[in-house]
Amino acid sequence: MLDVEASEALSDVQKRRVIARTGAVIRAVAQDERSQLRNRELAIERLVEKLRAALAVPRRRVPTQPSARARERRLAGKKRRSRVKKLRRQPEDE
């Protein structure tokens, strides 16, 4: 268990980010092994992973546009599909 607000290892900015994502207290429990020591090690590893995930800064998404070739392929596919559907229709009586 880690009390984020009382932690001296984190800066104020890091504390705000962690509290916003996980809350004021981060808790990790491990009951996988028979050994208390090994469970304690696993709990610490899980706590570190939770803290690392809470501190991660997401990358900004850079909006992109489809290339000219991609637009051309998309329109060609639409035309091909339209032609197939047109051939399935009943012939028009004139």
PDB file of N, CA and C in Angstrom:
ATOM      1  N   MET A   1       0.851  -1.172   0.000  1.00  0.00           N
ATOM      2  CA  MET A   1       0.000   0.000   0.000  1.00  0.00           C
ATOM      3  C   MET A   1       0.900   1.238   0.000  1.00  0.00           C
ATOM      4  N   LEU A   2       0.526   2.207  -0.829  1.00  0.00           N
ATOM      5  CA  LEU A   2       1.309   3.437  -0.939  1.00  0.00           C
ATOM      6  C   LEU A   2       0.372   4.626  -0.781  1.00  0.00           C
ATOM      7  N   ASP A   3       0.640   5.458   0.213  1.00  0.00           N
ATOM      8  CA  ASP A   3      -0.109   6.697   0.395  1.00  0.00           C
ATOM      9  C   ASP A   3       0.562   7.748  -0.479  1.00  0.00           C
ATOM     10  N   VAL A   4      -0.087   8.103  -1.570  1.00  0.00           N
ATOM     11  CA  VAL A   4       0.515   8.983  -2.563  1.00  0.00           C
ATOM     12  C   VAL A   4       0.742  10.378  -1.991  1.00  0.00           C
ATOM     13  N   GLU A   5      -0.215  10.886  -1.237  1.00  0.00           N
ATOM     14  CA  GLU A   5      -0.104  12.250  -0.710  1.00  0.00           C
ATOM     15  C   GLU A   5       1.060  12.387   0.279  1.00  0.00           C
ATOM     16  N   ALA A   6       1.362  11.334   1.020  1.00  0.00           N
ATOM     17  CA  ALA A   6       2.431  11.390   2.017  1.00  0.00           C
ATOM     18  C   ALA A   6       3.789  11.002   1.435  1.00  0.00           C
ATOM     19  N   SER A   7       3.818  10.553   0.208  1.00  0.00           N
ATOM     20  CA  SER A   7       5.063  10.094  -0.401  1.00  0.00           C
ATOM     21  C   SER A   7       6.013  11.257  -0.659  1.00  0.00           C
ATOM     22  N   GLU A   8       7.260  11.059  -0.287  1.00  0.00           N
ATOM     23  CA  GLU A   8       8.278  12.086  -0.527  1.00  0.00           C
ATOM     24  C   GLU A   8       9.044  11.814  -1.819  1.00  0.00           C
ATOM     25  N   ALA A   9       8.836  10.635  -2.400  1.00  0.00           N
ATOM     26  CA  ALA A   9       9.559  10.262  -3.615  1.00  0.00           C
ATOM     27  C   ALA A   9       8.951  10.886  -4.862  1.00  0.00           C
ATOM     28  N   LEU A  10       7.707  11.353  -4.769  1.00  0.00           N
ATOM     29  CA  LEU A  10       7.022  11.914  -5.936  1.00  0.00           C
ATOM     30  C   LEU A  10       6.952  13.430  -5.836  1.00  0.00           C
ATOM     31  N   SER A  11       7.066  14.094  -6.973  1.00  0.00           N
ATOM     32  CA  SER A  11       6.904  15.549  -7.002  1.00  0.00           C
ATOM     33  C   SER A  11       5.414  15.879  -6.932  1.00  0.00           C
ATOM     34  N   ASP A  12       5.098  17.159  -6.765  1.00  0.00           N
ATOM     35  CA  ASP A  12       3.697  17.572  -6.666  1.00  0.00           C
ATOM     36  C   ASP A  12       2.940  17.269  -7.948  1.00  0.00           C
ATOM     37  N   VAL A  13       3.579  17.473  -9.090  1.00  0.00           N
ATOM     38  CA  VAL A  13       2.936  17.202 -10.382  1.00  0.00           C
ATOM     39  C   VAL A  13       2.650  15.709 -10.507  1.00  0.00           C
ATOM     40  N   GLN A  14       3.605  14.876 -10.136  1.00  0.00           N
ATOM     41  CA  GLN A  14       3.423  13.429 -10.204  1.00  0.00           C
ATOM     42  C   GLN A  14       2.321  12.977  -9.251  1.00  0.00           C
ATOM     43  N   LYS A  15       2.286  13.557  -8.060  1.00  0.00           N
ATOM     44  CA  LYS A  15       1.251  13.204  -7.092  1.00  0.00           C
ATOM     45  C   LYS A  15      -0.135  13.509  -7.646  1.00  0.00           C
ATOM     46  N   ARG A  16      -0.286  14.700  -8.256  1.00  0.00           N
ATOM     47  CA  ARG A  16      -1.591  15.071  -8.826  1.00  0.00           C
ATOM     48  C   ARG A  16      -2.001  14.100  -9.924  1.00  0.00           C
ATOM     49  N   ARG A  17      -1.043  13.721 -10.778  1.00  0.00           N
ATOM     50  CA  ARG A  17      -1.349  12.799 -11.878  1.00  0.00           C
ATOM     51  C   ARG A  17      -1.775  11.430 -11.333  1.00  0.00           C
ATOM     52  N   VAL A  18      -1.043  10.911 -10.339  1.00  0.00           N
ATOM     53  CA  VAL A  18      -1.364   9.598  -9.780  1.00  0.00           C
ATOM     54  C   VAL A  18      -2.713   9.630  -9.068  1.00  0.00           C
ATOM     55  N   ILE A  19      -2.970  10.666  -8.296  1.00  0.00           N
ATOM     56  CA  ILE A  19      -4.244  10.769  -7.571  1.00  0.00           C
ATOM     57  C   ILE A  19      -5.408  10.870  -8.550  1.00  0.00           C
ATOM     58  N   ALA A  20      -5.211  11.593  -9.640  1.00  0.00           N
ATOM     59  CA  ALA A  20      -6.280  11.726 -10.630  1.00  0.00           C
ATOM     60  C   ALA A  20      -6.590  10.395 -11.306  1.00  0.00           C
ATOM     61  N   ARG A  21      -5.589   9.557 -11.475  1.00  0.00           N
ATOM     62  CA  ARG A  21      -5.795   8.290 -12.195  1.00  0.00           C
ATOM     63  C   ARG A  21      -6.151   7.116 -11.297  1.00  0.00           C
ATOM     64  N   THR A  22      -5.553   7.043 -10.109  1.00  0.00           N
ATOM     65  CA  THR A  22      -5.773   5.851  -9.274  1.00  0.00           C
ATOM     66  C   THR A  22      -6.358   6.155  -7.908  1.00  0.00           C
ATOM     67  N   GLY A  23      -6.276   7.390  -7.458  1.00  0.00           N
ATOM     68  CA  GLY A  23      -6.755   7.722  -6.126  1.00  0.00           C
ATOM     69  C   GLY A  23      -5.591   8.043  -5.203  1.00  0.00           C
ATOM     70  N   ALA A  24      -5.919   8.387  -3.963  1.00  0.00           N
ATOM     71  CA  ALA A  24      -4.901   8.823  -3.006  1.00  0.00           C
ATOM     72  C   ALA A  24      -4.074   7.669  -2.454  1.00  0.00           C
ATOM     73  N   VAL A  25      -4.606   6.444  -2.507  1.00  0.00           N
ATOM     74  CA  VAL A  25      -3.889   5.277  -1.985  1.00  0.00           C
ATOM     75  C   VAL A  25      -3.838   4.216  -3.071  1.00  0.00           C
ATOM     76  N   ILE A  26      -2.635   3.698  -3.332  1.00  0.00           N
ATOM     77  CA  ILE A  26      -2.477   2.597  -4.285  1.00  0.00           C
ATOM     78  C   ILE A  26      -2.245   1.334  -3.472  1.00  0.00           C
ATOM     79  N   ARG A  27      -3.021   0.302  -3.767  1.00  0.00           N
ATOM     80  CA  ARG A  27      -2.938  -0.932  -2.999  1.00  0.00           C
ATOM     81  C   ARG A  27      -2.681  -2.093  -3.951  1.00  0.00           C
ATOM     82  N   ALA A  28      -1.793  -2.980  -3.574  1.00  0.00           N
ATOM     83  CA  ALA A  28      -1.506  -4.190  -4.336  1.00  0.00           C
ATOM     84  C   ALA A  28      -1.487  -5.375  -3.379  1.00  0.00           C
ATOM     85  N   VAL A  29      -2.200  -6.430  -3.756  1.00  0.00           N
ATOM     86  CA  VAL A  29      -2.307  -7.617  -2.921  1.00  0.00           C
ATOM     87  C   VAL A  29      -1.784  -8.807  -3.714  1.00  0.00           C
ATOM     88  N   ALA A  30      -1.064  -9.694  -3.054  1.00  0.00           N
ATOM     89  CA  ALA A  30      -0.580 -10.912  -3.691  1.00  0.00           C
ATOM     90  C   ALA A  30      -0.752 -12.083  -2.735  1.00  0.00           C
ATOM     91  N   GLN A  31      -1.479 -13.103  -3.168  1.00  0.00           N
ATOM     92  CA  GLN A  31      -1.652 -14.325  -2.389  1.00  0.00           C
ATOM     93  C   GLN A  31      -1.423 -15.539  -3.291  1.00  0.00           C
ATOM     94  N   ASP A  32      -0.506 -15.389  -4.238  1.00  0.00           N
ATOM     95  CA  ASP A  32      -0.268 -16.424  -5.240  1.00  0.00           C
ATOM     96  C   ASP A  32       0.618 -17.555  -4.721  1.00  0.00           C
ATOM     97  N   GLU A  33       1.595 -17.203  -3.933  1.00  0.00           N
ATOM     98  CA  GLU A  33       2.599 -18.175  -3.491  1.00  0.00           C
ATOM     99  C   GLU A  33       2.335 -18.605  -2.052  1.00  0.00           C
ATOM    100  N   ARG A  34       3.015 -19.646  -1.642  1.00  0.00           N
ATOM    101  CA  ARG A  34       2.900 -20.103  -0.244  1.00  0.00           C
ATOM    102  C   ARG A  34       3.807 -19.307   0.678  1.00  0.00           C
ATOM    103  N   SER A  35       4.844 -18.717   0.124  1.00  0.00           N
ATOM    104  CA  SER A  35       5.824 -17.992   0.921  1.00  0.00           C
ATOM    105  C   SER A  35       5.385 -16.534   1.123  1.00  0.00           C
ATOM    106  N   GLN A  36       5.425 -16.076   2.349  1.00  0.00           N
ATOM    107  CA  GLN A  36       5.075 -14.688   2.646  1.00  0.00           C
ATOM    108  C   GLN A  36       6.058 -13.730   1.971  1.00  0.00           C
ATOM    109  N   LEU A  37       7.317 -14.089   1.982  1.00  0.00           N
ATOM    110  CA  LEU A  37       8.338 -13.250   1.365  1.00  0.00           C
ATOM    111  C   LEU A  37       8.085 -13.092  -0.132  1.00  0.00           C
ATOM    112  N   ARG A  38       7.794 -14.211  -0.789  1.00  0.00           N
ATOM    113  CA  ARG A  38       7.538 -14.150  -2.241  1.00  0.00           C
ATOM    114  C   ARG A  38       6.270 -13.349  -2.531  1.00  0.00           C
ATOM    115  N   ASN A  39       5.225 -13.502  -1.723  1.00  0.00           N
ATOM    116  CA  ASN A  39       4.003 -12.717  -1.904  1.00  0.00           C
ATOM    117  C   ASN A  39       4.274 -11.233  -1.715  1.00  0.00           C
ATOM    118  N   ARG A  40       5.146 -10.903  -0.765  1.00  0.00           N
ATOM    119  CA  ARG A  40       5.497  -9.506  -0.532  1.00  0.00           C
ATOM    120  C   ARG A  40       6.229  -8.943  -1.754  1.00  0.00           C
ATOM    121  N   GLU A  41       7.149  -9.735  -2.325  1.00  0.00           N
ATOM    122  CA  GLU A  41       7.863  -9.303  -3.523  1.00  0.00           C
ATOM    123  C   GLU A  41       6.907  -9.097  -4.695  1.00  0.00           C
ATOM    124  N   LEU A  42       5.962 -10.021  -4.869  1.00  0.00           N
ATOM    125  CA  LEU A  42       4.972  -9.886  -5.938  1.00  0.00           C
ATOM    126  C   LEU A  42       4.100  -8.644  -5.740  1.00  0.00           C
ATOM    127  N   ALA A  43       3.710  -8.379  -4.511  1.00  0.00           N
ATOM    128  CA  ALA A  43       2.883  -7.209  -4.219  1.00  0.00           C
ATOM    129  C   ALA A  43       3.647  -5.923  -4.539  1.00  0.00           C
ATOM    130  N   ILE A  44       4.925  -5.893  -4.205  1.00  0.00           N
ATOM    131  CA  ILE A  44       5.738  -4.705  -4.502  1.00  0.00           C
ATOM    132  C   ILE A  44       5.863  -4.519  -6.014  1.00  0.00           C
ATOM    133  N   GLU A  45       6.079  -5.623  -6.738  1.00  0.00           N
ATOM    134  CA  GLU A  45       6.164  -5.527  -8.203  1.00  0.00           C
ATOM    135  C   GLU A  45       4.870  -4.981  -8.791  1.00  0.00           C
ATOM    136  N   ARG A  46       3.734  -5.463  -8.307  1.00  0.00           N
ATOM    137  CA  ARG A  46       2.433  -4.996  -8.800  1.00  0.00           C
ATOM    138  C   ARG A  46       2.207  -3.526  -8.451  1.00  0.00           C
ATOM    139  N   LEU A  47       2.642  -3.140  -7.262  1.00  0.00           N
ATOM    140  CA  LEU A  47       2.514  -1.746  -6.850  1.00  0.00           C
ATOM    141  C   LEU A  47       3.334  -0.843  -7.766  1.00  0.00           C
ATOM    142  N   VAL A  48       4.550  -1.273  -8.087  1.00  0.00           N
ATOM    143  CA  VAL A  48       5.419  -0.495  -8.978  1.00  0.00           C
ATOM    144  C   VAL A  48       4.786  -0.386 -10.357  1.00  0.00           C
ATOM    145  N   GLU A  49       4.194  -1.482 -10.855  1.00  0.00           N
ATOM    146  CA  GLU A  49       3.548  -1.450 -12.172  1.00  0.00           C
ATOM    147  C   GLU A  49       2.361  -0.485 -12.181  1.00  0.00           C
ATOM    148  N   LYS A  50       1.548  -0.520 -11.127  1.00  0.00           N
ATOM    149  CA  LYS A  50       0.407   0.408 -11.039  1.00  0.00           C
ATOM    150  C   LYS A  50       0.890   1.849 -11.004  1.00  0.00           C
ATOM    151  N   LEU A  51       1.936   2.104 -10.236  1.00  0.00           N
ATOM    152  CA  LEU A  51       2.480   3.459 -10.136  1.00  0.00           C
ATOM    153  C   LEU A  51       3.049   3.902 -11.475  1.00  0.00           C
ATOM    154  N   ARG A  52       3.771   3.012 -12.158  1.00  0.00           N
ATOM    155  CA  ARG A  52       4.351   3.335 -13.461  1.00  0.00           C
ATOM    156  C   ARG A  52       3.245   3.643 -14.484  1.00  0.00           C
ATOM    157  N   ALA A  53       2.167   2.855 -14.453  1.00  0.00           N
ATOM    158  CA  ALA A  53       1.055   3.081 -15.382  1.00  0.00           C
ATOM    159  C   ALA A  53       0.358   4.410 -15.087  1.00  0.00           C
ATOM    160  N   ALA A  54       0.249   4.760 -13.802  1.00  0.00           N
ATOM    161  CA  ALA A  54      -0.406   6.018 -13.435  1.00  0.00           C
ATOM    162  C   ALA A  54       0.450   7.228 -13.796  1.00  0.00           C
ATOM    163  N   LEU A  55       1.764   7.056 -13.803  1.00  0.00           N
ATOM    164  CA  LEU A  55       2.659   8.174 -14.114  1.00  0.00           C
ATOM    165  C   LEU A  55       2.904   8.343 -15.613  1.00  0.00           C
ATOM    166  N   ALA A  56       2.527   7.352 -16.413  1.00  0.00           N
ATOM    167  CA  ALA A  56       2.796   7.404 -17.855  1.00  0.00           C
ATOM    168  C   ALA A  56       2.023   8.548 -18.493  1.00  0.00           C
ATOM    169  N   VAL A  57       2.714   9.319 -19.310  1.00  0.00           N
ATOM    170  CA  VAL A  57       2.092  10.434 -20.025  1.00  0.00           C
ATOM    171  C   VAL A  57       1.694   9.923 -21.409  1.00  0.00           C
ATOM    172  N   PRO A  58       0.399   9.960 -21.747  1.00  0.00           N
ATOM    173  CA  PRO A  58      -0.014   9.448 -23.055  1.00  0.00           C
ATOM    174  C   PRO A  58       0.507  10.330 -24.182  1.00  0.00           C
ATOM    175  N   ARG A  59       0.873   9.695 -25.279  1.00  0.00           N
ATOM    176  CA  ARG A  59       1.366  10.444 -26.436  1.00  0.00           C
ATOM    177  C   ARG A  59       0.210  11.148 -27.125  1.00  0.00           C
ATOM    178  N   ARG A  60       0.502  12.329 -27.644  1.00  0.00           N
ATOM    179  CA  ARG A  60      -0.525  13.061 -28.384  1.00  0.00           C
ATOM    180  C   ARG A  60      -0.756  12.399 -29.721  1.00  0.00           C
ATOM    181  N   ARG A  61      -2.006  12.317 -30.127  1.00  0.00           N
ATOM    182  CA  ARG A  61      -2.339  11.747 -31.414  1.00  0.00           C
ATOM    183  C   ARG A  61      -2.176  12.830 -32.467  1.00  0.00           C
ATOM    184  N   VAL A  62      -1.433  12.508 -33.512  1.00  0.00           N
ATOM    185  CA  VAL A  62      -1.243  13.450 -34.608  1.00  0.00           C
ATOM    186  C   VAL A  62      -2.216  13.062 -35.708  1.00  0.00           C
ATOM    187  N   PRO A  63      -3.222  13.898 -35.982  1.00  0.00           N
ATOM    188  CA  PRO A  63      -4.191  13.533 -37.010  1.00  0.00           C
ATOM    189  C   PRO A  63      -3.533  13.489 -38.388  1.00  0.00           C
ATOM    190  N   THR A  64      -3.879  12.480 -39.144  1.00  0.00           N
ATOM    191  CA  THR A  64      -3.315  12.321 -40.484  1.00  0.00           C
ATOM    192  C   THR A  64      -4.444  12.217 -41.498  1.00  0.00           C
ATOM    193  N   GLN A  65      -4.093  12.381 -42.747  1.00  0.00           N
ATOM    194  CA  GLN A  65      -5.072  12.246 -43.815  1.00  0.00           C
ATOM    195  C   GLN A  65      -4.675  11.076 -44.688  1.00  0.00           C
ATOM    196  N   PRO A  66      -5.674  10.398 -45.297  1.00  0.00           N
ATOM    197  CA  PRO A  66      -5.330   9.282 -46.164  1.00  0.00           C
ATOM    198  C   PRO A  66      -4.572   9.774 -47.398  1.00  0.00           C
ATOM    199  N   SER A  67      -3.687   8.931 -47.889  1.00  0.00           N
ATOM    200  CA  SER A  67      -2.905   9.300 -49.069  1.00  0.00           C
ATOM    201  C   SER A  67      -3.801   9.306 -50.303  1.00  0.00           C
ATOM    202  N   ALA A  68      -3.306   9.900 -51.365  1.00  0.00           N
ATOM    203  CA  ALA A  68      -4.065   9.967 -52.616  1.00  0.00           C
ATOM    204  C   ALA A  68      -4.334   8.560 -53.139  1.00  0.00           C
ATOM    205  N   ARG A  69      -3.347   7.685 -53.024  1.00  0.00           N
ATOM    206  CA  ARG A  69      -3.510   6.301 -53.499  1.00  0.00           C
ATOM    207  C   ARG A  69      -4.574   5.575 -52.681  1.00  0.00           C
ATOM    208  N   ALA A  70      -4.621   5.805 -51.387  1.00  0.00           N
ATOM    209  CA  ALA A  70      -5.625   5.163 -50.535  1.00  0.00           C
ATOM    210  C   ALA A  70      -7.024   5.652 -50.901  1.00  0.00           C
ATOM    211  N   ARG A  71      -7.173   6.945 -51.152  1.00  0.00           N
ATOM    212  CA  ARG A  71      -8.478   7.482 -51.575  1.00  0.00           C
ATOM    213  C   ARG A  71      -8.896   6.875 -52.904  1.00  0.00           C
ATOM    214  N   GLU A  72      -7.940   6.770 -53.804  1.00  0.00           N
ATOM    215  CA  GLU A  72      -8.213   6.203 -55.127  1.00  0.00           C
ATOM    216  C   GLU A  72      -8.663   4.739 -55.016  1.00  0.00           C
ATOM    217  N   ARG A  73      -7.979   3.954 -54.176  1.00  0.00           N
ATOM    218  CA  ARG A  73      -8.349   2.550 -53.974  1.00  0.00           C
ATOM    219  C   ARG A  73      -9.747   2.434 -53.378  1.00  0.00           C
ATOM    220  N   ARG A  74     -10.051   3.296 -52.415  1.00  0.00           N
ATOM    221  CA  ARG A  74     -11.362   3.258 -51.767  1.00  0.00           C
ATOM    222  C   ARG A  74     -12.461   3.550 -52.771  1.00  0.00           C
ATOM    223  N   LEU A  75     -12.270   4.585 -53.605  1.00  0.00           N
ATOM    224  CA  LEU A  75     -13.287   4.941 -54.592  1.00  0.00           C
ATOM    225  C   LEU A  75     -13.417   3.862 -55.663  1.00  0.00           C
ATOM    226  N   ALA A  76     -12.309   3.249 -56.050  1.00  0.00           N
ATOM    227  CA  ALA A  76     -12.365   2.173 -57.049  1.00  0.00           C
ATOM    228  C   ALA A  76     -13.155   0.991 -56.486  1.00  0.00           C
ATOM    229  N   GLY A  77     -12.948   0.676 -55.224  1.00  0.00           N
ATOM    230  CA  GLY A  77     -13.694  -0.413 -54.591  1.00  0.00           C
ATOM    231  C   GLY A  77     -15.177  -0.107 -54.536  1.00  0.00           C
ATOM    232  N   LYS A  78     -15.523   1.130 -54.241  1.00  0.00           N
ATOM    233  CA  LYS A  78     -16.933   1.530 -54.194  1.00  0.00           C
ATOM    234  C   LYS A  78     -17.568   1.413 -55.582  1.00  0.00           C
ATOM    235  N   LYS A  79     -16.836   1.829 -56.608  1.00  0.00           N
ATOM    236  CA  LYS A  79     -17.363   1.725 -57.979  1.00  0.00           C
ATOM    237  C   LYS A  79     -17.554   0.267 -58.374  1.00  0.00           C
ATOM    238  N   ARG A  80     -16.581  -0.579 -58.016  1.00  0.00           N
ATOM    239  CA  ARG A  80     -16.665  -2.002 -58.339  1.00  0.00           C
ATOM    240  C   ARG A  80     -17.878  -2.620 -57.653  1.00  0.00           C
ATOM    241  N   ARG A  81     -18.079  -2.291 -56.405  1.00  0.00           N
ATOM    242  CA  ARG A  81     -19.215  -2.819 -55.648  1.00  0.00           C
ATOM    243  C   ARG A  81     -20.534  -2.338 -56.244  1.00  0.00           C
ATOM    244  N   SER A  82     -20.564  -1.082 -56.666  1.00  0.00           N
ATOM    245  CA  SER A  82     -21.764  -0.517 -57.278  1.00  0.00           C
ATOM    246  C   SER A  82     -22.098  -1.251 -58.573  1.00  0.00           C
ATOM    247  N   ARG A  83     -21.068  -1.541 -59.352  1.00  0.00           N
ATOM    248  CA  ARG A  83     -21.266  -2.241 -60.627  1.00  0.00           C
ATOM    249  C   ARG A  83     -21.811  -3.651 -60.387  1.00  0.00           C
ATOM    250  N   VAL A  84     -21.300  -4.343 -59.370  1.00  0.00           N
ATOM    251  CA  VAL A  84     -21.780  -5.688 -59.042  1.00  0.00           C
ATOM    252  C   VAL A  84     -23.253  -5.638 -58.647  1.00  0.00           C
ATOM    253  N   LYS A  85     -23.620  -4.684 -57.835  1.00  0.00           N
ATOM    254  CA  LYS A  85     -25.007  -4.588 -57.385  1.00  0.00           C
ATOM    255  C   LYS A  85     -25.936  -4.204 -58.540  1.00  0.00           C
ATOM    256  N   LYS A  86     -25.433  -3.372 -59.431  1.00  0.00           N
ATOM    257  CA  LYS A  86     -26.239  -2.973 -60.583  1.00  0.00           C
ATOM    258  C   LYS A  86     -26.523  -4.186 -61.473  1.00  0.00           C
ATOM    259  N   LEU A  87     -25.554  -5.091 -61.615  1.00  0.00           N
ATOM    260  CA  LEU A  87     -25.735  -6.286 -62.443  1.00  0.00           C
ATOM    261  C   LEU A  87     -26.722  -7.271 -61.814  1.00  0.00           C
ATOM    262  N   ARG A  88     -26.924  -7.207 -60.534  1.00  0.00           N
ATOM    263  CA  ARG A  88     -27.864  -8.109 -59.866  1.00  0.00           C
ATOM    264  C   ARG A  88     -29.312  -7.677 -60.039  1.00  0.00           C
ATOM    265  N   ARG A  89     -29.546  -6.440 -60.419  1.00  0.00           N
ATOM    266  CA  ARG A  89     -30.906  -5.925 -60.530  1.00  0.00           C
ATOM    267  C   ARG A  89     -31.633  -6.568 -61.684  1.00  0.00           C
ATOM    268  N   GLN A  90     -32.968  -6.504 -61.594  1.00  0.00           N
ATOM    269  CA  GLN A  90     -33.801  -6.959 -62.706  1.00  0.00           C
ATOM    270  C   GLN A  90     -33.614  -6.018 -63.888  1.00  0.00           C
ATOM    271  N   PRO A  91     -33.585  -6.548 -65.099  1.00  0.00           N
ATOM    272  CA  PRO A  91     -33.455  -5.645 -66.238  1.00  0.00           C
ATOM    273  C   PRO A  91     -34.692  -4.739 -66.335  1.00  0.00           C
ATOM    274  N   GLU A  92     -34.454  -3.509 -66.701  1.00  0.00           N
ATOM    275  CA  GLU A  92     -35.555  -2.549 -66.819  1.00  0.00           C
ATOM    276  C   GLU A  92     -36.268  -2.760 -68.150  1.00  0.00           C
ATOM    277  N   ASP A  93     -37.588  -2.770 -68.109  1.00  0.00           N
ATOM    278  CA  ASP A  93     -38.407  -2.905 -69.328  1.00  0.00           C
ATOM    279  C   ASP A  93     -38.580  -1.535 -69.943  1.00  0.00           C
ATOM    280  N   GLU A  94     -38.219  -1.429 -71.202  1.00  0.00           N
ATOM    281  CA  GLU A  94     -38.360  -0.120 -71.857  1.00  0.00           C
ATOM    282  C   GLU A  94     -39.391  -0.165 -72.920  1.00  0.00           C
TER     283      GLU A  94
END
